[in-house]
Protein backbone atom coordinates (compact mmCIF):
# COMPACT_ATOMS: atom_id res chain seq x y z
CA UNK A 1 0.00 0.00 0.00
CA UNK A 2 1.35 3.41 -0.98
CA UNK A 3 0.72 6.13 1.57
CA UNK A 4 0.03 9.71 0.58
CA UNK A 5 2.81 12.22 1.05
CA UNK A 6 1.94 14.77 3.69
CA UNK A 7 2.53 18.38 2.80
CA UNK A 8 4.52 20.76 4.98
CA UNK A 9 3.05 24.13 5.87
CA UNK A 10 5.25 26.93 4.46
CA UNK A 11 4.74 30.46 5.79
CA UNK A 12 6.50 33.60 4.61
CA UNK A 13 7.37 35.63 7.73
CA UNK A 14 8.93 39.12 7.87
CA UNK A 15 12.52 37.94 8.26
CA UNK A 16 12.42 34.24 7.32
CA UNK A 17 10.47 31.39 5.77
CA UNK A 18 8.93 28.97 8.29
CA UNK A 19 8.60 25.35 7.18
CA UNK A 20 6.46 23.11 9.39
CA UNK A 21 6.47 19.51 8.20
CA UNK A 22 3.56 17.36 9.39
CA UNK A 23 5.91 14.41 9.78
CA UNK A 24 9.60 13.63 9.56
CA UNK A 25 9.45 11.78 6.28
CA UNK A 26 12.04 11.81 3.49
CA UNK A 27 9.45 12.30 0.75
CA UNK A 28 7.68 15.11 2.59
CA UNK A 29 11.01 16.89 3.03
CA UNK A 30 11.82 16.54 -0.68
CA UNK A 31 8.34 17.82 -1.58
CA UNK A 32 8.75 20.82 0.75
CA UNK A 33 12.19 21.62 -0.68
CA UNK A 34 10.75 21.51 -4.20
CA UNK A 35 8.10 24.03 -3.16
CA UNK A 36 10.71 26.26 -1.51
CA UNK A 37 12.87 26.24 -4.65
CA UNK A 38 9.91 27.67 -6.59
CA UNK A 39 9.58 30.62 -4.19
CA UNK A 40 11.45 33.70 -5.46
CA UNK A 41 12.12 34.69 -1.83
CA UNK A 42 13.94 31.43 -1.04
CA UNK A 43 17.42 32.49 -2.20
CA UNK A 44 17.11 35.81 -0.37
CA UNK A 45 15.69 34.69 2.98
CA UNK A 46 16.65 32.45 5.88
CA UNK A 47 14.56 29.39 6.72
CA UNK A 48 13.42 27.71 9.90
CA UNK A 49 12.33 24.08 9.77
CA UNK A 50 10.18 23.36 12.82
CA UNK A 51 9.80 19.59 13.07
CA UNK A 52 6.93 17.91 14.95
CA UNK A 53 7.40 15.55 17.88
CA UNK A 54 7.11 12.50 15.66
CA UNK A 55 9.05 9.40 14.71
CA UNK A 56 11.68 9.78 12.02
CA UNK A 57 10.85 8.12 8.71
CA UNK A 58 14.15 8.94 7.02
CA UNK A 59 17.50 7.20 7.02
CA UNK A 60 21.00 8.54 7.48
CA UNK A 61 21.69 7.73 3.82
CA UNK A 62 18.68 9.82 2.79
CA UNK A 63 20.29 12.84 4.48
CA UNK A 64 22.92 12.65 1.74
CA UNK A 65 20.20 12.42 -0.92
CA UNK A 66 18.57 15.55 0.55
CA UNK A 67 21.96 17.28 0.45
CA UNK A 68 22.42 16.31 -3.22
CA UNK A 69 18.90 17.50 -4.06
CA UNK A 70 19.70 20.90 -2.53
CA UNK A 71 23.16 21.06 -4.14
CA UNK A 72 21.61 20.53 -7.58
CA UNK A 73 19.40 23.57 -7.00
CA UNK A 74 22.18 26.03 -6.15
CA UNK A 75 24.36 27.16 -9.07
CA UNK A 76 28.01 26.12 -8.82
CA UNK A 77 30.02 28.75 -6.95
CA UNK A 78 27.00 30.20 -5.16
CA UNK A 79 28.05 32.36 -2.24
CA UNK A 80 24.78 32.75 -0.38
CA UNK A 81 24.92 33.90 3.22
CA UNK A 82 21.58 32.41 4.24
CA UNK A 83 20.87 30.48 7.40
CA UNK A 84 18.78 27.38 7.99
CA UNK A 85 17.60 26.71 11.54
CA UNK A 86 16.37 23.23 12.43
CA UNK A 87 14.05 23.01 15.45
CA UNK A 88 13.90 19.54 17.01
CA UNK A 89 11.81 18.07 19.81
CA UNK A 90 13.69 14.87 20.75
CA UNK A 91 17.25 13.67 21.26
CA UNK A 92 17.08 11.37 18.24
CA UNK A 93 15.88 14.25 16.07
CA UNK A 94 18.74 16.34 17.42
CA UNK A 95 21.28 13.64 16.53
CA UNK A 96 19.95 13.34 12.98
CA UNK A 97 19.85 17.13 12.60
CA UNK A 98 23.42 17.48 13.91
CA UNK A 99 24.55 14.88 11.37
CA UNK A 100 22.71 16.77 8.63
CA UNK A 101 24.43 20.07 9.51
CA UNK A 102 27.79 18.35 9.04
CA UNK A 103 26.69 16.79 5.73
CA UNK A 104 25.67 20.19 4.28
CA UNK A 105 28.70 22.17 5.47
CA UNK A 106 29.88 22.69 1.87
CA UNK A 107 26.53 24.12 0.69
CA UNK A 108 25.99 27.90 0.44
CA UNK A 109 24.09 28.31 3.71
CA UNK A 110 24.78 27.90 7.40
CA UNK A 111 22.70 25.32 9.28
CA UNK A 112 22.24 24.98 13.02
CA UNK A 113 20.03 22.97 15.39
CA UNK A 114 17.79 24.41 18.13
CA UNK A 115 15.52 23.00 20.86
CA UNK A 116 12.78 25.60 20.34
CA UNK A 117 11.42 28.10 17.85
CA UNK A 118 12.33 31.16 19.96
CA UNK A 119 16.06 30.41 20.00
CA UNK A 120 15.98 29.57 16.27
CA UNK A 121 14.31 32.92 15.53
CA UNK A 122 16.91 34.78 17.62
CA UNK A 123 19.75 33.11 15.68
CA UNK A 124 18.08 33.75 12.31
CA UNK A 125 17.79 37.53 12.87
CA UNK A 126 21.42 37.92 14.03
CA UNK A 127 23.80 39.31 11.41
């Protein structure tokens, strides 16, 4: 049985784009990234991914696939100064997110992990 892909809520805020996945699923993340790439604001704004308190339906290997999907979007030599904040609710989510930030270190944005939305927002608005 094939399950339907859930769709993340994407909200354009004053100083960032908020992405709120309904689950932590590889295919939902790819779908949300595809929608972000179509937003003209995406290359100019920071993003916050606020994950739900849910089980993870993505593998460590899929983190590399997500990285490659993002890398294909950015032109070679891009020098973007954007930030991506990842808000997690559990220790396992934090471990996966920490691994992801290391995997994407060579991409043209800075990624960091936070335990709550408030601290992610504070980091995002810092210069």
